[in-house]
Amino acid sequence: SSDVCSSDLEISSAEFERENRIAQSLAALGYVEVVTHSLRASEREGSVAVRNPLSEEQRYLRESLAPGLIAYLATNAAPARVFEIGDVFRREGDDVLEHGVAAFGFSADRSDEAPWSDASFLRLKGDAGALLREVTGLPLEASPDAIPGFHPGKTAALAVGGRRVGTLGCVDPRIAVAAGLE
């Protein structure tokens, strides 16, 4: 006699397919996928602590992909265009929220060009527009914004169909210097 187990439970692959489409779109734009650490040393408001960290440098779950990408670009001597798709974590009350996100960027020489006409900023905005058009079929809506960690005047809120979907900007020069991006 043998036991037979079966289930009619179907697991949707929509999220995987969406992430794959984003990855393919970014690769077509010349970006290379990287995988950075999901554990961080620093705590911010809403950070999620790991119960038994292996070290103090791995005490908190990441709340953003940006620090990992900045660190990667800082260690790469040659200019690079990179992206990452991964999960970020945030504590709200007693709940831990996990969100799948995508981030991409590139290293470029520092520019003193005026905000909103900086060539690197416009290139990043163009890539964001191409990605969002490919994934959603809708045009990018960008409006000036001020976000800590980004260069004042070279930051934008991104929306599609009137719904905010992300942030775009040049890294604040002070953070760039502190990270070793010269």
N, C-alpha and C. Protein backbone atom coordinates (compact mmCIF):
# COMPACT_ATOMS: atom_id res chain seq x y z
N SER A 1 0.84 -1.17 0.00
CA SER A 1 0.00 0.00 0.00
C SER A 1 0.89 1.24 0.00
N SER A 2 0.48 2.21 -0.70
CA SER A 2 1.24 3.45 -0.72
C SER A 2 0.29 4.63 -0.58
N ASP A 3 0.78 5.66 0.04
CA ASP A 3 -0.02 6.87 0.22
C ASP A 3 0.20 7.79 -0.98
N VAL A 4 -0.85 8.40 -1.42
CA VAL A 4 -0.76 9.37 -2.50
C VAL A 4 -1.24 10.70 -1.95
N CYS A 5 -0.42 11.70 -2.11
CA CYS A 5 -0.79 13.04 -1.65
C CYS A 5 -0.88 13.95 -2.86
N SER A 6 -1.91 14.73 -2.90
CA SER A 6 -2.02 15.68 -4.00
C SER A 6 -2.69 16.95 -3.49
N SER A 7 -2.57 17.97 -4.27
CA SER A 7 -3.16 19.23 -3.89
C SER A 7 -3.55 19.99 -5.15
N ASP A 8 -4.64 20.69 -5.05
CA ASP A 8 -5.07 21.54 -6.15
C ASP A 8 -4.58 22.97 -5.96
N LEU A 9 -3.75 23.17 -4.98
CA LEU A 9 -3.23 24.51 -4.69
C LEU A 9 -2.28 24.94 -5.80
N GLU A 10 -2.58 26.08 -6.39
CA GLU A 10 -1.73 26.60 -7.46
C GLU A 10 -1.03 27.86 -6.95
N ILE A 11 0.25 27.89 -7.12
CA ILE A 11 1.03 29.05 -6.69
C ILE A 11 1.25 29.95 -7.90
N SER A 12 0.86 31.19 -7.76
CA SER A 12 0.99 32.15 -8.86
C SER A 12 2.45 32.49 -9.10
N SER A 13 2.80 32.58 -10.35
CA SER A 13 4.17 32.98 -10.69
C SER A 13 4.20 34.41 -11.20
N ALA A 14 3.14 35.17 -10.96
CA ALA A 14 3.05 36.54 -11.46
C ALA A 14 4.19 37.41 -10.93
N GLU A 15 4.51 37.29 -9.65
CA GLU A 15 5.59 38.10 -9.08
C GLU A 15 6.93 37.74 -9.71
N PHE A 16 7.19 36.44 -9.87
CA PHE A 16 8.43 36.01 -10.51
C PHE A 16 8.51 36.54 -11.94
N GLU A 17 7.42 36.44 -12.67
CA GLU A 17 7.40 36.92 -14.05
C GLU A 17 7.62 38.43 -14.12
N ARG A 18 7.04 39.19 -13.20
CA ARG A 18 7.24 40.64 -13.16
C ARG A 18 8.70 40.98 -12.86
N GLU A 19 9.28 40.30 -11.87
CA GLU A 19 10.69 40.54 -11.55
C GLU A 19 11.59 40.17 -12.72
N ASN A 20 11.28 39.08 -13.41
CA ASN A 20 12.06 38.66 -14.56
C ASN A 20 11.96 39.69 -15.68
N ARG A 21 10.77 40.24 -15.91
CA ARG A 21 10.59 41.27 -16.93
C ARG A 21 11.37 42.54 -16.59
N ILE A 22 11.36 42.91 -15.32
CA ILE A 22 12.14 44.08 -14.87
C ILE A 22 13.62 43.81 -15.10
N ALA A 23 14.10 42.64 -14.70
CA ALA A 23 15.52 42.29 -14.87
C ALA A 23 15.91 42.31 -16.35
N GLN A 24 15.08 41.74 -17.21
CA GLN A 24 15.38 41.74 -18.64
C GLN A 24 15.39 43.15 -19.21
N SER A 25 14.47 43.99 -18.76
CA SER A 25 14.41 45.38 -19.23
C SER A 25 15.65 46.15 -18.82
N LEU A 26 16.07 45.97 -17.57
CA LEU A 26 17.27 46.68 -17.10
C LEU A 26 18.52 46.16 -17.80
N ALA A 27 18.59 44.87 -18.04
CA ALA A 27 19.73 44.31 -18.78
C ALA A 27 19.77 44.89 -20.19
N ALA A 28 18.61 45.05 -20.82
CA ALA A 28 18.56 45.63 -22.16
C ALA A 28 19.01 47.09 -22.17
N LEU A 29 18.87 47.76 -21.03
CA LEU A 29 19.33 49.15 -20.90
C LEU A 29 20.82 49.24 -20.54
N GLY A 30 21.48 48.07 -20.41
CA GLY A 30 22.91 48.05 -20.14
C GLY A 30 23.30 47.88 -18.68
N TYR A 31 22.35 47.53 -17.84
CA TYR A 31 22.65 47.32 -16.42
C TYR A 31 22.96 45.85 -16.17
N VAL A 32 23.82 45.60 -15.17
CA VAL A 32 24.21 44.25 -14.78
C VAL A 32 23.65 43.97 -13.39
N GLU A 33 23.07 42.78 -13.22
CA GLU A 33 22.48 42.46 -11.92
C GLU A 33 23.55 42.13 -10.90
N VAL A 34 23.38 42.66 -9.69
CA VAL A 34 24.24 42.33 -8.56
C VAL A 34 23.35 41.89 -7.41
N VAL A 35 23.95 41.19 -6.47
CA VAL A 35 23.25 40.76 -5.27
C VAL A 35 24.06 41.27 -4.09
N THR A 36 23.45 42.10 -3.26
CA THR A 36 24.14 42.65 -2.10
C THR A 36 23.59 42.02 -0.82
N HIS A 37 24.27 42.27 0.27
CA HIS A 37 23.86 41.68 1.56
C HIS A 37 22.52 42.24 2.02
N SER A 38 21.70 41.38 2.58
CA SER A 38 20.41 41.83 3.10
C SER A 38 20.49 42.19 4.59
N LEU A 39 21.68 42.10 5.17
CA LEU A 39 21.88 42.48 6.57
C LEU A 39 22.77 43.70 6.65
N ARG A 40 22.47 44.58 7.60
CA ARG A 40 23.18 45.84 7.77
C ARG A 40 23.61 46.02 9.22
N ALA A 41 24.53 46.96 9.42
CA ALA A 41 25.01 47.26 10.76
C ALA A 41 24.21 48.36 11.42
N SER A 42 23.71 49.31 10.64
CA SER A 42 23.09 50.50 11.23
C SER A 42 21.59 50.34 11.40
N GLU A 43 21.10 50.97 12.46
CA GLU A 43 19.68 50.94 12.78
C GLU A 43 19.06 52.28 12.41
N ARG A 44 17.89 52.23 11.82
CA ARG A 44 17.10 53.42 11.51
C ARG A 44 15.71 53.21 12.09
N GLU A 45 14.91 54.25 12.09
CA GLU A 45 13.54 54.10 12.57
C GLU A 45 12.83 53.04 11.75
N GLY A 46 12.23 52.09 12.41
CA GLY A 46 11.52 51.02 11.72
C GLY A 46 12.38 49.84 11.34
N SER A 47 13.68 49.87 11.71
CA SER A 47 14.56 48.75 11.37
C SER A 47 14.11 47.47 12.06
N VAL A 48 14.41 46.36 11.41
CA VAL A 48 14.06 45.04 11.94
C VAL A 48 15.36 44.37 12.39
N ALA A 49 15.47 44.11 13.70
CA ALA A 49 16.67 43.47 14.25
C ALA A 49 16.59 41.96 14.06
N VAL A 50 17.75 41.37 13.79
CA VAL A 50 17.87 39.92 13.70
C VAL A 50 18.07 39.40 15.13
N ARG A 51 17.40 38.34 15.49
CA ARG A 51 17.49 37.84 16.87
C ARG A 51 18.88 37.37 17.25
N ASN A 52 19.54 36.62 16.41
CA ASN A 52 20.87 36.09 16.70
C ASN A 52 21.83 36.44 15.57
N PRO A 53 22.26 37.70 15.51
CA PRO A 53 23.14 38.09 14.40
C PRO A 53 24.51 37.41 14.51
N LEU A 54 25.09 37.15 13.35
CA LEU A 54 26.43 36.56 13.32
C LEU A 54 27.49 37.57 13.75
N SER A 55 27.19 38.85 13.52
CA SER A 55 28.12 39.92 13.93
C SER A 55 27.33 41.21 14.05
N GLU A 56 27.95 42.24 14.61
CA GLU A 56 27.31 43.55 14.74
C GLU A 56 27.06 44.17 13.36
N GLU A 57 27.87 43.81 12.36
CA GLU A 57 27.70 44.33 11.00
C GLU A 57 26.50 43.69 10.31
N GLN A 58 25.93 42.66 10.93
CA GLN A 58 24.78 41.96 10.34
C GLN A 58 23.62 41.88 11.33
N ARG A 59 23.36 42.97 12.00
CA ARG A 59 22.35 43.00 13.06
C ARG A 59 20.94 43.32 12.54
N TYR A 60 20.81 44.10 11.45
CA TYR A 60 19.50 44.56 10.99
C TYR A 60 19.24 44.16 9.54
N LEU A 61 17.98 43.84 9.25
CA LEU A 61 17.57 43.57 7.87
C LEU A 61 17.54 44.89 7.10
N ARG A 62 17.90 44.85 5.84
CA ARG A 62 17.96 46.08 5.05
C ARG A 62 16.56 46.66 4.85
N GLU A 63 16.51 47.99 4.85
CA GLU A 63 15.27 48.70 4.59
C GLU A 63 15.30 49.37 3.22
N SER A 64 16.44 49.24 2.55
CA SER A 64 16.62 49.82 1.22
C SER A 64 17.71 49.06 0.48
N LEU A 65 17.63 49.02 -0.83
CA LEU A 65 18.69 48.42 -1.64
C LEU A 65 19.81 49.42 -1.94
N ALA A 66 19.53 50.71 -1.79
CA ALA A 66 20.48 51.75 -2.18
C ALA A 66 21.85 51.63 -1.49
N PRO A 67 21.94 51.45 -0.17
CA PRO A 67 23.27 51.36 0.45
C PRO A 67 24.14 50.25 -0.13
N GLY A 68 23.54 49.11 -0.45
CA GLY A 68 24.30 48.01 -1.04
C GLY A 68 24.81 48.36 -2.43
N LEU A 69 23.97 49.01 -3.23
CA LEU A 69 24.40 49.41 -4.57
C LEU A 69 25.48 50.48 -4.51
N ILE A 70 25.35 51.42 -3.59
CA ILE A 70 26.37 52.47 -3.43
C ILE A 70 27.70 51.83 -3.02
N ALA A 71 27.66 50.91 -2.07
CA ALA A 71 28.89 50.23 -1.64
C ALA A 71 29.51 49.45 -2.79
N TYR A 72 28.68 48.79 -3.59
CA TYR A 72 29.19 48.05 -4.74
C TYR A 72 29.88 49.00 -5.72
N LEU A 73 29.23 50.09 -6.05
CA LEU A 73 29.81 51.05 -7.00
C LEU A 73 31.10 51.66 -6.46
N ALA A 74 31.17 51.84 -5.14
CA ALA A 74 32.37 52.42 -4.52
C ALA A 74 33.57 51.48 -4.61
N THR A 75 33.32 50.18 -4.62
CA THR A 75 34.43 49.22 -4.67
C THR A 75 34.85 48.90 -6.10
N ASN A 76 34.07 49.34 -7.07
CA ASN A 76 34.35 49.06 -8.47
C ASN A 76 35.13 50.24 -9.07
N ALA A 77 36.35 50.00 -9.51
CA ALA A 77 37.19 51.08 -10.03
C ALA A 77 36.67 51.64 -11.35
N ALA A 78 36.07 50.81 -12.16
CA ALA A 78 35.57 51.25 -13.46
C ALA A 78 34.12 51.69 -13.34
N PRO A 79 33.67 52.59 -14.22
CA PRO A 79 32.25 52.95 -14.21
C PRO A 79 31.38 51.70 -14.39
N ALA A 80 30.27 51.68 -13.69
CA ALA A 80 29.40 50.50 -13.76
C ALA A 80 27.94 50.93 -13.75
N ARG A 81 27.11 50.11 -14.37
CA ARG A 81 25.65 50.28 -14.37
C ARG A 81 25.09 49.00 -13.76
N VAL A 82 24.47 49.11 -12.59
CA VAL A 82 24.04 47.92 -11.85
C VAL A 82 22.58 48.02 -11.40
N PHE A 83 21.99 46.86 -11.16
CA PHE A 83 20.65 46.81 -10.58
C PHE A 83 20.56 45.64 -9.62
N GLU A 84 19.57 45.74 -8.75
CA GLU A 84 19.27 44.64 -7.84
C GLU A 84 17.76 44.58 -7.65
N ILE A 85 17.25 43.38 -7.59
CA ILE A 85 15.85 43.13 -7.25
C ILE A 85 15.88 42.28 -5.99
N GLY A 86 15.25 42.75 -4.94
CA GLY A 86 15.29 42.01 -3.69
C GLY A 86 14.26 42.51 -2.70
N ASP A 87 14.28 41.93 -1.54
CA ASP A 87 13.33 42.29 -0.50
C ASP A 87 13.94 43.28 0.47
N VAL A 88 13.08 44.18 0.97
CA VAL A 88 13.45 45.12 2.02
C VAL A 88 12.44 44.93 3.15
N PHE A 89 12.83 45.35 4.35
CA PHE A 89 12.03 45.05 5.53
C PHE A 89 11.84 46.31 6.38
N ARG A 90 10.68 46.39 7.03
CA ARG A 90 10.38 47.53 7.89
C ARG A 90 9.42 47.07 8.98
N ARG A 91 9.64 47.60 10.17
CA ARG A 91 8.76 47.27 11.29
C ARG A 91 7.71 48.38 11.43
N GLU A 92 6.45 47.95 11.52
CA GLU A 92 5.34 48.86 11.82
C GLU A 92 4.60 48.27 12.99
N GLY A 93 4.80 48.88 14.15
CA GLY A 93 4.22 48.32 15.37
C GLY A 93 4.84 46.97 15.65
N ASP A 94 3.99 45.95 15.82
CA ASP A 94 4.48 44.59 16.07
C ASP A 94 4.69 43.79 14.78
N ASP A 95 4.32 44.39 13.65
CA ASP A 95 4.40 43.68 12.37
C ASP A 95 5.70 43.97 11.64
N VAL A 96 6.22 42.97 10.97
CA VAL A 96 7.37 43.13 10.09
C VAL A 96 6.85 43.05 8.66
N LEU A 97 7.08 44.12 7.91
CA LEU A 97 6.62 44.18 6.53
C LEU A 97 7.78 43.89 5.59
N GLU A 98 7.52 43.05 4.61
CA GLU A 98 8.53 42.68 3.62
C GLU A 98 8.00 43.10 2.25
N HIS A 99 8.84 43.83 1.50
CA HIS A 99 8.43 44.31 0.18
C HIS A 99 9.50 43.96 -0.85
N GLY A 100 9.07 43.47 -1.98
CA GLY A 100 9.98 43.25 -3.09
C GLY A 100 10.16 44.56 -3.85
N VAL A 101 11.40 44.96 -4.10
CA VAL A 101 11.68 46.22 -4.78
C VAL A 101 12.81 46.01 -5.80
N ALA A 102 12.94 46.98 -6.68
CA ALA A 102 14.05 47.00 -7.63
C ALA A 102 14.74 48.35 -7.49
N ALA A 103 16.06 48.33 -7.62
CA ALA A 103 16.85 49.57 -7.60
C ALA A 103 17.93 49.44 -8.65
N PHE A 104 18.26 50.57 -9.27
CA PHE A 104 19.34 50.55 -10.25
C PHE A 104 20.04 51.90 -10.25
N GLY A 105 21.27 51.89 -10.72
CA GLY A 105 22.04 53.12 -10.77
C GLY A 105 23.35 52.91 -11.47
N PHE A 106 24.08 53.99 -11.62
CA PHE A 106 25.38 53.91 -12.26
C PHE A 106 26.31 54.94 -11.65
N SER A 107 27.59 54.69 -11.81
CA SER A 107 28.59 55.65 -11.36
C SER A 107 28.91 56.59 -12.52
N ALA A 108 29.14 57.85 -12.18
CA ALA A 108 29.45 58.87 -13.18
C ALA A 108 30.30 59.95 -12.52
N ASP A 109 31.05 60.65 -13.32
CA ASP A 109 31.83 61.77 -12.79
C ASP A 109 30.88 62.82 -12.24
N ARG A 110 31.30 63.46 -11.14
CA ARG A 110 30.51 64.50 -10.51
C ARG A 110 30.34 65.67 -11.47
N SER A 111 29.18 66.27 -11.45
CA SER A 111 28.88 67.37 -12.37
C SER A 111 28.33 68.57 -11.60
N ASP A 112 28.67 69.75 -12.08
CA ASP A 112 28.13 70.98 -11.49
C ASP A 112 27.00 71.54 -12.35
N GLU A 113 26.45 70.69 -13.22
CA GLU A 113 25.35 71.15 -14.07
C GLU A 113 24.14 71.48 -13.21
N ALA A 114 23.32 72.36 -13.72
CA ALA A 114 22.14 72.80 -12.99
C ALA A 114 21.18 71.63 -12.75
N PRO A 115 20.49 71.64 -11.60
CA PRO A 115 19.50 70.60 -11.34
C PRO A 115 18.51 70.51 -12.50
N TRP A 116 18.02 69.34 -12.75
CA TRP A 116 17.05 69.01 -13.80
C TRP A 116 17.62 69.16 -15.20
N SER A 117 18.91 69.53 -15.33
CA SER A 117 19.53 69.49 -16.65
C SER A 117 20.87 68.76 -16.59
N ASP A 118 21.18 68.18 -15.45
CA ASP A 118 22.38 67.38 -15.25
C ASP A 118 22.30 66.13 -16.14
N ALA A 119 23.32 65.89 -16.95
CA ALA A 119 23.29 64.79 -17.93
C ALA A 119 23.10 63.43 -17.26
N SER A 120 23.76 63.18 -16.14
CA SER A 120 23.62 61.89 -15.45
C SER A 120 22.21 61.72 -14.90
N PHE A 121 21.68 62.79 -14.33
CA PHE A 121 20.32 62.75 -13.80
C PHE A 121 19.32 62.47 -14.93
N LEU A 122 19.49 63.15 -16.05
CA LEU A 122 18.58 62.96 -17.19
C LEU A 122 18.70 61.55 -17.77
N ARG A 123 19.91 61.01 -17.78
CA ARG A 123 20.11 59.64 -18.27
C ARG A 123 19.39 58.64 -17.36
N LEU A 124 19.51 58.82 -16.05
CA LEU A 124 18.84 57.94 -15.09
C LEU A 124 17.32 58.07 -15.23
N LYS A 125 16.84 59.31 -15.39
CA LYS A 125 15.41 59.54 -15.57
C LYS A 125 14.92 58.87 -16.86
N GLY A 126 15.71 58.96 -17.92
CA GLY A 126 15.35 58.30 -19.17
C GLY A 126 15.29 56.79 -19.03
N ASP A 127 16.25 56.22 -18.30
CA ASP A 127 16.24 54.77 -18.07
C ASP A 127 15.03 54.36 -17.23
N ALA A 128 14.70 55.17 -16.22
CA ALA A 128 13.52 54.88 -15.38
C ALA A 128 12.25 54.93 -16.23
N GLY A 129 12.17 55.92 -17.11
CA GLY A 129 11.01 56.03 -17.98
C GLY A 129 10.89 54.84 -18.92
N ALA A 130 12.03 54.42 -19.49
CA ALA A 130 12.01 53.27 -20.40
C ALA A 130 11.60 52.00 -19.66
N LEU A 131 12.12 51.81 -18.45
CA LEU A 131 11.76 50.63 -17.65
C LEU A 131 10.27 50.62 -17.33
N LEU A 132 9.76 51.73 -16.83
CA LEU A 132 8.36 51.77 -16.43
C LEU A 132 7.42 51.64 -17.64
N ARG A 133 7.79 52.20 -18.77
CA ARG A 133 6.99 52.03 -19.99
C ARG A 133 6.95 50.56 -20.41
N GLU A 134 8.11 49.91 -20.32
CA GLU A 134 8.20 48.49 -20.70
C GLU A 134 7.36 47.61 -19.77
N VAL A 135 7.40 47.90 -18.49
CA VAL A 135 6.74 47.05 -17.50
C VAL A 135 5.25 47.36 -17.37
N THR A 136 4.89 48.65 -17.44
CA THR A 136 3.49 49.03 -17.21
C THR A 136 2.74 49.44 -18.47
N GLY A 137 3.47 49.81 -19.52
CA GLY A 137 2.83 50.33 -20.73
C GLY A 137 2.42 51.78 -20.60
N LEU A 138 2.76 52.41 -19.46
CA LEU A 138 2.36 53.80 -19.20
C LEU A 138 3.59 54.70 -19.12
N PRO A 139 3.42 55.98 -19.39
CA PRO A 139 4.55 56.91 -19.32
C PRO A 139 4.91 57.26 -17.88
N LEU A 140 6.16 57.61 -17.68
CA LEU A 140 6.68 58.05 -16.39
C LEU A 140 6.20 59.46 -16.10
N GLU A 141 5.80 59.69 -14.86
CA GLU A 141 5.50 61.03 -14.37
C GLU A 141 6.56 61.33 -13.31
N ALA A 142 7.34 62.39 -13.51
CA ALA A 142 8.39 62.75 -12.55
C ALA A 142 8.15 64.17 -12.06
N SER A 143 8.30 64.36 -10.76
CA SER A 143 8.16 65.70 -10.18
C SER A 143 9.27 65.92 -9.16
N PRO A 144 9.75 67.16 -9.04
CA PRO A 144 10.83 67.43 -8.07
C PRO A 144 10.44 66.98 -6.68
N ASP A 145 11.44 66.48 -5.95
CA ASP A 145 11.20 65.98 -4.60
C ASP A 145 12.46 66.22 -3.77
N ALA A 146 12.34 66.10 -2.48
CA ALA A 146 13.48 66.21 -1.56
C ALA A 146 13.46 64.98 -0.67
N ILE A 147 14.47 64.13 -0.82
CA ILE A 147 14.56 62.88 -0.06
C ILE A 147 15.93 62.85 0.61
N PRO A 148 16.00 62.58 1.92
CA PRO A 148 17.30 62.46 2.57
C PRO A 148 18.17 61.41 1.86
N GLY A 149 19.43 61.74 1.66
CA GLY A 149 20.36 60.83 1.00
C GLY A 149 20.55 61.13 -0.47
N PHE A 150 19.67 61.94 -1.03
CA PHE A 150 19.79 62.32 -2.43
C PHE A 150 20.21 63.79 -2.55
N HIS A 151 20.81 64.12 -3.67
CA HIS A 151 21.29 65.48 -3.94
C HIS A 151 20.11 66.44 -4.00
N PRO A 152 20.16 67.51 -3.22
CA PRO A 152 19.08 68.50 -3.31
C PRO A 152 19.01 69.07 -4.73
N GLY A 153 17.84 69.07 -5.31
CA GLY A 153 17.66 69.59 -6.66
C GLY A 153 17.85 68.56 -7.75
N LYS A 154 18.36 67.39 -7.41
CA LYS A 154 18.54 66.32 -8.40
C LYS A 154 17.84 65.06 -7.90
N THR A 155 16.59 65.26 -7.46
CA THR A 155 15.77 64.18 -6.91
C THR A 155 14.35 64.33 -7.45
N ALA A 156 13.73 63.21 -7.76
CA ALA A 156 12.37 63.25 -8.28
C ALA A 156 11.53 62.12 -7.70
N ALA A 157 10.25 62.41 -7.52
CA ALA A 157 9.27 61.39 -7.18
C ALA A 157 8.78 60.81 -8.52
N LEU A 158 8.68 59.50 -8.60
CA LEU A 158 8.24 58.84 -9.82
C LEU A 158 6.83 58.29 -9.62
N ALA A 159 6.00 58.50 -10.63
CA ALA A 159 4.63 58.00 -10.58
C ALA A 159 4.26 57.43 -11.94
N VAL A 160 3.32 56.50 -11.91
CA VAL A 160 2.75 55.92 -13.11
C VAL A 160 1.24 55.91 -12.91
N GLY A 161 0.52 56.51 -13.83
CA GLY A 161 -0.93 56.56 -13.71
C GLY A 161 -1.39 57.26 -12.45
N GLY A 162 -0.62 58.26 -11.99
CA GLY A 162 -0.97 59.01 -10.79
C GLY A 162 -0.59 58.33 -9.49
N ARG A 163 -0.01 57.13 -9.53
CA ARG A 163 0.39 56.39 -8.32
C ARG A 163 1.90 56.42 -8.17
N ARG A 164 2.35 56.87 -7.00
CA ARG A 164 3.79 56.94 -6.76
C ARG A 164 4.38 55.54 -6.74
N VAL A 165 5.48 55.36 -7.50
CA VAL A 165 6.10 54.04 -7.60
C VAL A 165 7.58 54.04 -7.22
N GLY A 166 8.15 55.22 -6.98
CA GLY A 166 9.57 55.21 -6.62
C GLY A 166 10.16 56.60 -6.52
N THR A 167 11.48 56.58 -6.35
CA THR A 167 12.28 57.80 -6.22
C THR A 167 13.47 57.68 -7.15
N LEU A 168 13.88 58.80 -7.68
CA LEU A 168 15.01 58.86 -8.59
C LEU A 168 15.89 60.01 -8.15
N GLY A 169 17.21 59.83 -8.19
CA GLY A 169 18.06 60.95 -7.87
C GLY A 169 19.53 60.62 -7.87
N CYS A 170 20.31 61.67 -7.80
CA CYS A 170 21.75 61.54 -7.66
C CYS A 170 22.06 61.46 -6.16
N VAL A 171 23.01 60.63 -5.80
CA VAL A 171 23.38 60.46 -4.40
C VAL A 171 23.93 61.78 -3.86
N ASP A 172 23.53 62.13 -2.65
CA ASP A 172 24.04 63.34 -1.99
C ASP A 172 25.57 63.29 -2.00
N PRO A 173 26.25 64.36 -2.43
CA PRO A 173 27.71 64.36 -2.51
C PRO A 173 28.40 63.97 -1.20
N ARG A 174 27.82 64.34 -0.07
CA ARG A 174 28.43 63.99 1.24
C ARG A 174 28.39 62.49 1.46
N ILE A 175 27.29 61.85 1.07
CA ILE A 175 27.19 60.40 1.20
C ILE A 175 28.13 59.72 0.22
N ALA A 176 28.22 60.27 -0.99
CA ALA A 176 29.12 59.71 -2.00
C ALA A 176 30.57 59.72 -1.51
N VAL A 177 31.01 60.82 -0.93
CA VAL A 177 32.37 60.92 -0.41
C VAL A 177 32.56 59.96 0.75
N ALA A 178 31.60 59.90 1.68
CA ALA A 178 31.69 59.00 2.83
C ALA A 178 31.74 57.53 2.41
N ALA A 179 31.07 57.20 1.30
CA ALA A 179 31.05 55.82 0.81
C ALA A 179 32.28 55.49 -0.01
N GLY A 180 33.08 56.49 -0.37
CA GLY A 180 34.27 56.23 -1.17
C GLY A 180 34.03 56.39 -2.67
N LEU A 181 32.91 56.97 -3.04
CA LEU A 181 32.66 57.27 -4.46
C LEU A 181 33.32 58.62 -4.75
N GLU A 182 34.34 58.61 -5.52
CA GLU A 182 35.05 59.86 -5.78
C GLU A 182 34.95 60.24 -7.22
